[in-house]
Amino acid sequence: MRKDMRSSCPVSLSLEIFGDRWTLLVLRDVIFTGARHFRELLASPERISSNVLADRLAALVEHGLLTKADDPSHRQKVTYHLTERAIQLVPVFVHLNVWGTRHLPVSDVHAARTEVLAVGGPPLWEAFMDELRETHLGPQARRQPAPSGPTVAARMQAACAAVQDRAAGT
């Protein structure tokens, strides 16, 4: 254990990584919106500052939740990829989403994405985690063959779009 850790309690140790306002939001954007570049993450609706984002990305790489690679399409860009450790946080995010939807004034769009995950339960979460593994770690990282039909990400996106369409009256 590092000397600067407060204790060996798993909650305390986890808070050493996730205990600030921004870290989970950065991971949320990579997991649920597919953001992979600094500028995409900077465009988050919560308006994180560039220096805080750079610090959080560096910390997530240091803690083994993200990897960073040069973007072959642009010499000055890097691409962030989830690691297996980060992908295994999907159930935590689902539970936070469900709790927030039940107890806080969330938008209908966010509630729609949560509903897809809540109704699908752990089997759907596992399928989503496999989609993330394929995207971020490569097709060989899948644990199950890709199912036929729309992806979990596409189902969440469709649910959000349906809410937006209803709100627009289309």
Protein backbone atom coordinates (compact mmCIF):
# COMPACT_ATOMS: atom_id res chain seq x y z
CA MET A 1 0.00 0.00 0.00
CA ARG A 2 1.24 3.49 -0.84
CA LYS A 3 2.27 5.52 2.19
CA ASP A 4 -0.07 8.38 1.26
CA MET A 5 -3.18 6.17 1.38
CA ARG A 6 -5.45 6.82 4.36
CA SER A 7 -6.36 3.18 4.97
CA SER A 8 -6.73 -0.21 3.35
CA CYS A 9 -10.53 0.04 3.32
CA PRO A 10 -11.83 -0.68 -0.23
CA VAL A 11 -14.16 2.33 -0.15
CA SER A 12 -11.34 4.63 0.96
CA LEU A 13 -8.96 3.20 -1.65
CA SER A 14 -11.58 3.58 -4.39
CA LEU A 15 -12.18 7.18 -3.35
CA GLU A 16 -8.47 7.82 -3.89
CA ILE A 17 -9.25 7.31 -7.59
CA PHE A 18 -12.91 8.33 -7.96
CA GLY A 19 -13.40 10.79 -5.11
CA ASP A 20 -13.45 14.01 -7.09
CA ARG A 21 -16.14 15.68 -9.15
CA TRP A 22 -14.68 14.93 -12.58
CA THR A 23 -13.19 11.44 -12.77
CA LEU A 24 -16.45 9.51 -13.03
CA LEU A 25 -17.78 12.06 -15.54
CA VAL A 26 -14.75 11.56 -17.79
CA LEU A 27 -15.23 7.79 -17.62
CA ARG A 28 -18.98 8.24 -18.22
CA ASP A 29 -18.26 10.11 -21.43
CA VAL A 30 -15.84 7.49 -22.69
CA ILE A 31 -18.18 4.62 -21.78
CA PHE A 32 -21.56 6.03 -22.80
CA THR A 33 -20.87 8.65 -25.46
CA GLY A 34 -17.85 7.06 -27.10
CA ALA A 35 -15.65 10.12 -26.54
CA ARG A 36 -12.04 9.14 -27.23
CA HIS A 37 -10.20 12.43 -27.79
CA PHE A 38 -9.37 15.35 -25.51
CA ARG A 39 -11.56 17.81 -27.43
CA GLU A 40 -14.55 15.44 -27.31
CA LEU A 41 -14.16 15.10 -23.55
CA LEU A 42 -13.72 18.84 -23.18
CA ALA A 43 -17.13 19.32 -24.85
CA SER A 44 -18.94 17.58 -21.97
CA PRO A 45 -22.05 19.48 -20.83
CA GLU A 46 -20.52 19.92 -17.37
CA ARG A 47 -17.82 22.13 -18.92
CA ILE A 48 -14.67 20.72 -17.37
CA SER A 49 -11.65 23.01 -17.71
CA SER A 50 -8.81 21.86 -19.95
CA ASN A 51 -6.23 21.73 -17.14
CA VAL A 52 -8.54 19.65 -14.90
CA LEU A 53 -9.35 17.32 -17.81
CA ALA A 54 -5.66 16.84 -18.58
CA ASP A 55 -5.02 16.06 -14.90
CA ARG A 56 -7.90 13.56 -14.69
CA LEU A 57 -6.90 11.81 -17.91
CA ALA A 58 -3.32 11.47 -16.65
CA ALA A 59 -4.60 10.06 -13.34
CA LEU A 60 -6.89 7.57 -15.13
CA VAL A 61 -3.97 6.40 -17.25
CA GLU A 62 -1.75 6.17 -14.15
CA HIS A 63 -4.38 4.08 -12.32
CA GLY A 64 -4.79 1.73 -15.28
CA LEU A 65 -8.34 2.72 -16.22
CA LEU A 66 -7.43 4.29 -19.56
CA THR A 67 -4.63 3.82 -22.02
CA LYS A 68 -3.38 6.52 -24.31
CA ALA A 69 -2.17 5.98 -27.88
CA ASP A 70 -1.16 8.22 -30.76
CA ASP A 71 -4.02 8.80 -33.19
CA PRO A 72 -2.92 7.58 -36.62
CA SER A 73 -5.22 10.10 -38.31
CA HIS A 74 -3.56 13.15 -36.74
CA ARG A 75 0.00 13.57 -35.47
CA GLN A 76 -0.91 15.85 -32.58
CA LYS A 77 -3.90 13.86 -31.30
CA VAL A 78 -4.05 10.97 -28.90
CA THR A 79 -6.84 8.47 -28.45
CA TYR A 80 -7.94 7.20 -25.05
CA HIS A 81 -9.08 3.61 -24.64
CA LEU A 82 -10.82 1.94 -21.74
CA THR A 83 -9.02 -0.88 -19.99
CA GLU A 84 -10.71 -3.98 -18.62
CA ARG A 85 -10.62 -2.39 -15.16
CA ALA A 86 -12.68 0.56 -16.45
CA ILE A 87 -15.07 -1.64 -18.42
CA GLN A 88 -15.84 -3.54 -15.23
CA LEU A 89 -17.24 -0.28 -13.81
CA VAL A 90 -20.30 -0.51 -16.11
CA PRO A 91 -22.49 -2.13 -13.39
CA VAL A 92 -21.46 0.66 -10.98
CA PHE A 93 -22.50 3.27 -13.54
CA VAL A 94 -25.80 1.46 -14.14
CA HIS A 95 -26.57 1.44 -10.43
CA LEU A 96 -25.66 5.15 -10.12
CA ASN A 97 -27.89 5.90 -13.12
CA VAL A 98 -30.82 3.93 -11.68
CA TRP A 99 -30.44 5.56 -8.26
CA GLY A 100 -30.19 9.02 -9.84
CA THR A 101 -33.22 8.40 -12.04
CA ARG A 102 -35.29 7.34 -9.04
CA HIS A 103 -34.24 10.11 -6.69
CA LEU A 104 -33.07 13.13 -8.71
CA PRO A 105 -34.56 15.37 -11.41
CA VAL A 106 -32.77 13.78 -14.39
CA SER A 107 -33.66 14.59 -17.99
CA ASP A 108 -35.96 12.29 -19.93
CA VAL A 109 -33.12 11.56 -22.35
CA HIS A 110 -30.87 10.29 -19.58
CA ALA A 111 -33.75 8.38 -18.02
CA ALA A 112 -34.34 6.63 -21.38
CA ARG A 113 -30.76 5.34 -21.52
CA THR A 114 -31.04 4.20 -17.91
CA GLU A 115 -34.31 2.42 -18.62
CA VAL A 116 -32.71 0.35 -21.39
CA LEU A 117 -29.95 -0.75 -19.02
CA ALA A 118 -32.26 -1.31 -16.03
CA VAL A 119 -34.77 -3.41 -17.97
CA GLY A 120 -32.02 -5.43 -19.65
CA GLY A 121 -30.38 -6.17 -16.32
CA PRO A 122 -27.00 -7.84 -15.83
CA PRO A 123 -27.14 -9.84 -19.10
CA LEU A 124 -27.46 -6.60 -21.07
CA TRP A 125 -24.70 -4.98 -19.02
CA GLU A 126 -22.43 -7.89 -19.90
CA ALA A 127 -23.30 -7.49 -23.59
CA PHE A 128 -22.51 -3.77 -23.35
CA MET A 129 -19.23 -4.53 -21.62
CA ASP A 130 -18.37 -6.90 -24.48
CA GLU A 131 -19.13 -4.12 -26.99
CA LEU A 132 -16.76 -1.86 -25.07
CA ARG A 133 -14.12 -4.60 -24.99
CA GLU A 134 -14.35 -4.98 -28.75
CA THR A 135 -14.15 -1.22 -29.32
CA HIS A 136 -11.36 -0.48 -26.86
CA LEU A 137 -9.40 -3.73 -26.53
CA GLY A 138 -10.08 -5.44 -29.86
CA PRO A 139 -12.43 -8.19 -31.06
CA GLN A 140 -10.37 -10.88 -29.34
CA ALA A 141 -11.29 -9.38 -25.94
CA ARG A 142 -14.98 -10.29 -26.28
CA ARG A 143 -16.14 -12.91 -23.81
CA GLN A 144 -19.24 -13.88 -25.81
CA PRO A 145 -19.90 -13.86 -29.55
CA ALA A 146 -21.57 -10.68 -30.77
CA PRO A 147 -25.35 -11.16 -30.69
CA SER A 148 -27.46 -10.50 -33.75
CA GLY A 149 -29.58 -7.37 -33.79
CA PRO A 150 -28.83 -3.87 -32.63
CA THR A 151 -25.99 -3.25 -30.21
CA VAL A 152 -26.67 -2.13 -26.67
CA ALA A 153 -25.16 1.25 -27.54
CA ALA A 154 -27.53 1.54 -30.52
CA ARG A 155 -30.49 0.61 -28.31
CA MET A 156 -29.58 3.30 -25.78
CA GLN A 157 -29.08 5.82 -28.58
CA ALA A 158 -32.45 4.91 -30.11
CA ALA A 159 -34.19 5.30 -26.74
CA CYS A 160 -32.65 8.75 -26.31
CA ALA A 161 -33.57 9.74 -29.88
CA ALA A 162 -37.18 8.60 -29.34
CA VAL A 163 -37.46 10.87 -26.30
CA GLN A 164 -35.99 13.78 -28.25
CA ASP A 165 -38.40 13.12 -31.14
CA ARG A 166 -41.40 13.06 -28.78
CA ALA A 167 -40.23 16.32 -27.20
CA ALA A 168 -39.90 17.87 -30.66
CA GLY A 169 -43.37 16.61 -31.61
CA THR A 170 -42.16 14.41 -34.48
